Amino acid sequence: MRPASASHSSAISDGGYIDDATSALESTNVYVSPEVSGSAALADALDQQISDASIGVAVFSDNAALEASGPDIVAELAQQTEYDTIIVAVGDDLSAGSRVLASGEAMRIANEAEGSAGSV
């Protein structure tokens, strides 16, 4: 997985936001942290928009940045899940990476989707 605009960090702590997302992404391709305002509705909306089972999406509040940066979360989720492409929002910051798309392409697609759908 090539996370957009970051190097991989191997010092991410166990537990917390990443583990919650990893557990959820085992059964669904969309995870929205309960800390995010309107999380259930947002998860439903994203689930309807993301029809490709090879794409995993995780949305976190700004607090997740205390655990790791968005690109580091992308890299960690890529290691811990089977998704070809991972898209992560931490607050208003969007990060993405893919095993199958050219470097930077996942981020471009994520930005286009965010622009057409409004803010995550």
N, C-alpha and C. Protein backbone atom coordinates (compact mmCIF):
# COMPACT_ATOMS: atom_id res chain seq x y z
N MET A 1 0.86 -1.17 0.00
CA MET A 1 0.00 0.00 0.00
C MET A 1 0.89 1.22 0.00
N ARG A 2 0.56 2.16 -0.82
CA ARG A 2 1.31 3.40 -0.89
C ARG A 2 0.45 4.51 -0.30
N PRO A 3 0.64 4.89 0.98
CA PRO A 3 -0.16 5.97 1.53
C PRO A 3 0.25 7.28 0.88
N ALA A 4 -0.72 8.12 0.63
CA ALA A 4 -0.44 9.41 0.01
C ALA A 4 0.27 10.31 0.99
N SER A 5 1.33 10.91 0.56
CA SER A 5 2.05 11.97 1.26
C SER A 5 2.56 11.61 2.65
N ALA A 6 2.99 10.37 2.84
CA ALA A 6 3.57 10.06 4.15
C ALA A 6 4.41 8.81 4.09
N SER A 7 5.27 8.68 5.06
CA SER A 7 6.02 7.45 5.22
C SER A 7 5.31 6.60 6.27
N HIS A 8 5.56 5.30 6.24
CA HIS A 8 4.91 4.40 7.19
C HIS A 8 5.54 4.54 8.57
N SER A 9 4.71 4.56 9.57
CA SER A 9 5.20 4.60 10.95
C SER A 9 4.95 3.26 11.59
N SER A 10 5.99 2.67 12.15
CA SER A 10 5.83 1.38 12.81
C SER A 10 5.63 1.55 14.31
N ALA A 11 5.53 2.77 14.78
CA ALA A 11 5.43 3.02 16.21
C ALA A 11 4.01 3.35 16.64
N ILE A 12 3.02 2.95 15.88
CA ILE A 12 1.63 3.23 16.24
C ILE A 12 1.24 2.32 17.39
N SER A 13 0.61 2.91 18.40
CA SER A 13 0.28 2.15 19.60
C SER A 13 -0.85 1.16 19.35
N ASP A 14 -0.85 0.09 20.13
CA ASP A 14 -1.93 -0.88 20.08
C ASP A 14 -3.15 -0.30 20.78
N GLY A 15 -4.32 -0.71 20.35
CA GLY A 15 -5.55 -0.24 20.95
C GLY A 15 -5.99 1.07 20.34
N GLY A 16 -7.12 1.55 20.76
CA GLY A 16 -7.58 2.86 20.32
C GLY A 16 -8.26 2.86 18.97
N TYR A 17 -8.14 3.98 18.32
CA TYR A 17 -8.88 4.24 17.09
C TYR A 17 -8.59 3.23 15.99
N ILE A 18 -7.34 2.93 15.77
CA ILE A 18 -6.97 2.03 14.67
C ILE A 18 -7.52 0.63 14.91
N ASP A 19 -7.42 0.14 16.13
CA ASP A 19 -7.97 -1.19 16.43
C ASP A 19 -9.48 -1.21 16.26
N ASP A 20 -10.17 -0.14 16.68
CA ASP A 20 -11.62 -0.07 16.50
C ASP A 20 -11.97 -0.14 15.02
N ALA A 21 -11.23 0.60 14.20
CA ALA A 21 -11.49 0.61 12.76
C ALA A 21 -11.18 -0.75 12.14
N THR A 22 -10.06 -1.33 12.54
CA THR A 22 -9.67 -2.64 12.00
C THR A 22 -10.74 -3.68 12.30
N SER A 23 -11.22 -3.71 13.54
CA SER A 23 -12.27 -4.66 13.92
C SER A 23 -13.52 -4.45 13.10
N ALA A 24 -13.95 -3.21 12.94
CA ALA A 24 -15.16 -2.92 12.18
C ALA A 24 -14.99 -3.26 10.70
N LEU A 25 -13.81 -3.00 10.16
CA LEU A 25 -13.57 -3.24 8.73
C LEU A 25 -13.48 -4.72 8.39
N GLU A 26 -13.49 -5.59 9.39
CA GLU A 26 -13.55 -7.02 9.13
C GLU A 26 -14.93 -7.44 8.61
N SER A 27 -15.98 -6.67 8.97
CA SER A 27 -17.33 -7.06 8.59
C SER A 27 -18.03 -6.07 7.67
N THR A 28 -17.47 -4.89 7.50
CA THR A 28 -18.05 -3.88 6.61
C THR A 28 -16.91 -3.04 6.06
N ASN A 29 -17.13 -2.42 4.90
CA ASN A 29 -16.04 -1.63 4.33
C ASN A 29 -16.08 -0.16 4.73
N VAL A 30 -17.01 0.21 5.63
CA VAL A 30 -17.09 1.59 6.10
C VAL A 30 -17.11 1.59 7.63
N TYR A 31 -16.21 2.38 8.22
CA TYR A 31 -16.20 2.58 9.67
C TYR A 31 -16.24 4.08 9.93
N VAL A 32 -17.16 4.50 10.80
CA VAL A 32 -17.20 5.89 11.26
C VAL A 32 -17.15 5.87 12.78
N SER A 33 -16.16 6.53 13.34
CA SER A 33 -15.99 6.58 14.79
C SER A 33 -17.24 7.16 15.44
N PRO A 34 -17.66 6.60 16.57
CA PRO A 34 -18.82 7.14 17.26
C PRO A 34 -18.62 8.58 17.75
N GLU A 35 -17.37 9.03 17.79
CA GLU A 35 -17.09 10.42 18.18
C GLU A 35 -17.48 11.42 17.09
N VAL A 36 -17.66 10.96 15.85
CA VAL A 36 -18.00 11.84 14.75
C VAL A 36 -19.48 12.19 14.84
N SER A 37 -19.80 13.46 14.76
CA SER A 37 -21.19 13.91 14.82
C SER A 37 -22.00 13.27 13.69
N GLY A 38 -23.14 12.69 14.04
CA GLY A 38 -23.98 12.04 13.04
C GLY A 38 -23.36 10.78 12.46
N SER A 39 -22.60 10.06 13.28
CA SER A 39 -21.82 8.92 12.79
C SER A 39 -22.67 7.84 12.12
N ALA A 40 -23.82 7.52 12.69
CA ALA A 40 -24.65 6.45 12.10
C ALA A 40 -25.16 6.84 10.72
N ALA A 41 -25.64 8.06 10.59
CA ALA A 41 -26.14 8.54 9.30
C ALA A 41 -25.01 8.62 8.28
N LEU A 42 -23.85 9.09 8.71
CA LEU A 42 -22.71 9.20 7.80
C LEU A 42 -22.26 7.81 7.35
N ALA A 43 -22.22 6.86 8.28
CA ALA A 43 -21.83 5.49 7.92
C ALA A 43 -22.81 4.92 6.89
N ASP A 44 -24.11 5.14 7.09
CA ASP A 44 -25.12 4.65 6.13
C ASP A 44 -24.93 5.29 4.76
N ALA A 45 -24.70 6.61 4.75
CA ALA A 45 -24.53 7.32 3.47
C ALA A 45 -23.28 6.82 2.74
N LEU A 46 -22.17 6.67 3.46
CA LEU A 46 -20.94 6.19 2.83
C LEU A 46 -21.09 4.76 2.34
N ASP A 47 -21.79 3.94 3.13
CA ASP A 47 -22.00 2.55 2.75
C ASP A 47 -22.76 2.46 1.42
N GLN A 48 -23.71 3.36 1.23
CA GLN A 48 -24.47 3.38 -0.03
C GLN A 48 -23.61 3.88 -1.19
N GLN A 49 -22.67 4.79 -0.92
CA GLN A 49 -21.83 5.36 -1.97
C GLN A 49 -20.67 4.45 -2.35
N ILE A 50 -20.16 3.67 -1.41
CA ILE A 50 -19.00 2.82 -1.65
C ILE A 50 -19.49 1.42 -2.01
N SER A 51 -19.64 1.17 -3.29
CA SER A 51 -20.16 -0.12 -3.73
C SER A 51 -19.05 -1.12 -4.05
N ASP A 52 -17.82 -0.66 -4.08
CA ASP A 52 -16.69 -1.51 -4.41
C ASP A 52 -16.14 -2.14 -3.13
N ALA A 53 -16.23 -3.46 -3.02
CA ALA A 53 -15.80 -4.16 -1.81
C ALA A 53 -14.29 -4.14 -1.60
N SER A 54 -13.52 -3.67 -2.58
CA SER A 54 -12.06 -3.60 -2.42
C SER A 54 -11.61 -2.29 -1.78
N ILE A 55 -12.58 -1.41 -1.46
CA ILE A 55 -12.27 -0.10 -0.87
C ILE A 55 -12.74 -0.08 0.58
N GLY A 56 -11.83 0.25 1.49
CA GLY A 56 -12.16 0.42 2.90
C GLY A 56 -12.10 1.90 3.25
N VAL A 57 -13.10 2.36 4.00
CA VAL A 57 -13.19 3.77 4.38
C VAL A 57 -13.30 3.86 5.90
N ALA A 58 -12.49 4.72 6.50
CA ALA A 58 -12.54 4.96 7.94
C ALA A 58 -12.59 6.46 8.20
N VAL A 59 -13.55 6.87 9.01
CA VAL A 59 -13.73 8.29 9.33
C VAL A 59 -13.58 8.45 10.84
N PHE A 60 -12.69 9.36 11.23
CA PHE A 60 -12.39 9.59 12.63
C PHE A 60 -12.60 11.06 12.98
N SER A 61 -12.78 11.33 14.26
CA SER A 61 -12.78 12.71 14.74
C SER A 61 -11.33 13.21 14.73
N ASP A 62 -11.17 14.50 14.99
CA ASP A 62 -9.82 15.08 15.10
C ASP A 62 -8.99 14.40 16.17
N ASN A 63 -9.64 13.82 17.18
CA ASN A 63 -8.92 13.19 18.29
C ASN A 63 -8.02 12.05 17.83
N ALA A 64 -8.36 11.40 16.72
CA ALA A 64 -7.54 10.29 16.24
C ALA A 64 -6.13 10.75 15.87
N ALA A 65 -5.98 12.03 15.56
CA ALA A 65 -4.65 12.56 15.22
C ALA A 65 -3.70 12.48 16.41
N LEU A 66 -4.24 12.34 17.62
CA LEU A 66 -3.38 12.17 18.79
C LEU A 66 -2.73 10.79 18.79
N GLU A 67 -3.35 9.83 18.09
CA GLU A 67 -2.82 8.47 18.01
C GLU A 67 -1.88 8.31 16.82
N ALA A 68 -2.26 8.87 15.68
CA ALA A 68 -1.45 8.75 14.46
C ALA A 68 -1.96 9.72 13.42
N SER A 69 -1.13 10.02 12.44
CA SER A 69 -1.55 10.88 11.34
C SER A 69 -2.43 10.08 10.38
N GLY A 70 -3.19 10.77 9.55
CA GLY A 70 -4.03 10.09 8.56
C GLY A 70 -3.24 9.14 7.67
N PRO A 71 -2.12 9.57 7.09
CA PRO A 71 -1.33 8.65 6.27
C PRO A 71 -0.80 7.45 7.04
N ASP A 72 -0.45 7.64 8.31
CA ASP A 72 0.00 6.51 9.11
C ASP A 72 -1.15 5.54 9.39
N ILE A 73 -2.35 6.08 9.59
CA ILE A 73 -3.53 5.22 9.78
C ILE A 73 -3.81 4.44 8.51
N VAL A 74 -3.69 5.09 7.34
CA VAL A 74 -3.86 4.39 6.07
C VAL A 74 -2.90 3.20 6.00
N ALA A 75 -1.64 3.45 6.29
CA ALA A 75 -0.63 2.38 6.21
C ALA A 75 -0.93 1.25 7.18
N GLU A 76 -1.35 1.60 8.39
CA GLU A 76 -1.65 0.58 9.40
C GLU A 76 -2.88 -0.25 8.99
N LEU A 77 -3.93 0.42 8.52
CA LEU A 77 -5.12 -0.31 8.08
C LEU A 77 -4.82 -1.18 6.87
N ALA A 78 -3.93 -0.72 6.01
CA ALA A 78 -3.54 -1.53 4.84
C ALA A 78 -2.86 -2.82 5.28
N GLN A 79 -2.07 -2.75 6.35
CA GLN A 79 -1.39 -3.95 6.86
C GLN A 79 -2.36 -4.89 7.56
N GLN A 80 -3.37 -4.33 8.21
CA GLN A 80 -4.24 -5.13 9.06
C GLN A 80 -5.54 -5.58 8.38
N THR A 81 -5.80 -5.10 7.17
CA THR A 81 -7.03 -5.48 6.45
C THR A 81 -6.67 -5.98 5.06
N GLU A 82 -7.65 -6.48 4.35
CA GLU A 82 -7.44 -7.03 3.01
C GLU A 82 -7.85 -6.07 1.90
N TYR A 83 -8.22 -4.83 2.22
CA TYR A 83 -8.69 -3.90 1.20
C TYR A 83 -7.55 -3.48 0.28
N ASP A 84 -7.86 -3.36 -1.01
CA ASP A 84 -6.87 -2.89 -1.99
C ASP A 84 -6.62 -1.39 -1.85
N THR A 85 -7.66 -0.67 -1.48
CA THR A 85 -7.58 0.78 -1.36
C THR A 85 -8.19 1.20 -0.02
N ILE A 86 -7.51 2.10 0.68
CA ILE A 86 -7.97 2.60 1.97
C ILE A 86 -8.10 4.12 1.88
N ILE A 87 -9.24 4.62 2.36
CA ILE A 87 -9.46 6.07 2.44
C ILE A 87 -9.75 6.38 3.91
N VAL A 88 -9.05 7.38 4.45
CA VAL A 88 -9.18 7.75 5.86
C VAL A 88 -9.42 9.25 5.96
N ALA A 89 -10.41 9.62 6.77
CA ALA A 89 -10.62 11.02 7.11
C ALA A 89 -10.39 11.16 8.61
N VAL A 90 -9.52 12.09 8.98
CA VAL A 90 -9.30 12.43 10.38
C VAL A 90 -9.70 13.89 10.50
N GLY A 91 -10.88 14.13 11.07
CA GLY A 91 -11.43 15.48 11.06
C GLY A 91 -11.65 15.89 9.61
N ASP A 92 -11.08 17.01 9.23
CA ASP A 92 -11.21 17.51 7.85
C ASP A 92 -10.08 17.06 6.94
N ASP A 93 -9.13 16.28 7.47
CA ASP A 93 -7.98 15.85 6.68
C ASP A 93 -8.24 14.49 6.06
N LEU A 94 -8.03 14.40 4.75
CA LEU A 94 -8.27 13.19 3.99
C LEU A 94 -6.94 12.57 3.57
N SER A 95 -6.83 11.24 3.72
CA SER A 95 -5.64 10.50 3.29
C SER A 95 -6.10 9.24 2.58
N ALA A 96 -5.29 8.74 1.66
CA ALA A 96 -5.66 7.53 0.93
C ALA A 96 -4.41 6.83 0.42
N GLY A 97 -4.56 5.54 0.19
CA GLY A 97 -3.48 4.74 -0.38
C GLY A 97 -4.06 3.51 -1.03
N SER A 98 -3.29 2.91 -1.95
CA SER A 98 -3.81 1.76 -2.68
C SER A 98 -2.68 0.82 -3.08
N ARG A 99 -3.02 -0.47 -3.07
CA ARG A 99 -2.10 -1.49 -3.57
C ARG A 99 -2.20 -1.61 -5.09
N VAL A 100 -3.33 -1.18 -5.66
CA VAL A 100 -3.60 -1.45 -7.07
C VAL A 100 -3.62 -0.21 -7.95
N LEU A 101 -3.77 0.96 -7.37
CA LEU A 101 -3.80 2.19 -8.15
C LEU A 101 -2.41 2.83 -8.15
N ALA A 102 -2.14 3.61 -9.17
CA ALA A 102 -0.87 4.34 -9.25
C ALA A 102 -0.74 5.27 -8.05
N SER A 103 0.50 5.55 -7.66
CA SER A 103 0.76 6.43 -6.54
C SER A 103 0.02 7.76 -6.71
N GLY A 104 -0.71 8.16 -5.68
CA GLY A 104 -1.45 9.42 -5.73
C GLY A 104 -2.85 9.31 -6.32
N GLU A 105 -3.15 8.23 -7.03
CA GLU A 105 -4.45 8.09 -7.69
C GLU A 105 -5.58 7.91 -6.67
N ALA A 106 -5.36 7.14 -5.61
CA ALA A 106 -6.40 6.95 -4.59
C ALA A 106 -6.74 8.29 -3.93
N MET A 107 -5.73 9.09 -3.67
CA MET A 107 -5.96 10.40 -3.05
C MET A 107 -6.73 11.31 -4.00
N ARG A 108 -6.40 11.27 -5.29
CA ARG A 108 -7.10 12.10 -6.27
C ARG A 108 -8.58 11.71 -6.31
N ILE A 109 -8.86 10.42 -6.35
CA ILE A 109 -10.24 9.94 -6.40
C ILE A 109 -10.98 10.32 -5.11
N ALA A 110 -10.32 10.16 -3.97
CA ALA A 110 -10.94 10.51 -2.68
C ALA A 110 -11.27 12.00 -2.64
N ASN A 111 -10.37 12.85 -3.12
CA ASN A 111 -10.62 14.28 -3.15
C ASN A 111 -11.79 14.63 -4.07
N GLU A 112 -11.86 13.99 -5.22
CA GLU A 112 -12.97 14.23 -6.14
C GLU A 112 -14.29 13.80 -5.51
N ALA A 113 -14.31 12.66 -4.87
CA ALA A 113 -15.53 12.17 -4.23
C ALA A 113 -15.96 13.10 -3.10
N GLU A 114 -14.99 13.57 -2.32
CA GLU A 114 -15.31 14.48 -1.23
C GLU A 114 -15.87 15.79 -1.78
N GLY A 115 -15.28 16.28 -2.86
CA GLY A 115 -15.75 17.52 -3.46
C GLY A 115 -17.16 17.41 -4.01
N SER A 116 -17.50 16.27 -4.59
CA SER A 116 -18.84 16.11 -5.16
C SER A 116 -19.89 15.79 -4.11
N ALA A 117 -19.46 15.22 -2.97
CA ALA A 117 -20.40 14.81 -1.93
C ALA A 117 -20.47 15.80 -0.77
N GLY A 118 -19.58 16.77 -0.75
CA GLY A 118 -19.53 17.68 0.38
C GLY A 118 -18.55 17.18 1.41
N SER A 119 -18.40 17.90 2.48
CA SER A 119 -17.42 17.55 3.50
C SER A 119 -17.81 16.30 4.24
N VAL A 120 -16.80 15.47 4.54
CA VAL A 120 -17.02 14.24 5.31
C VAL A 120 -17.12 14.63 6.71
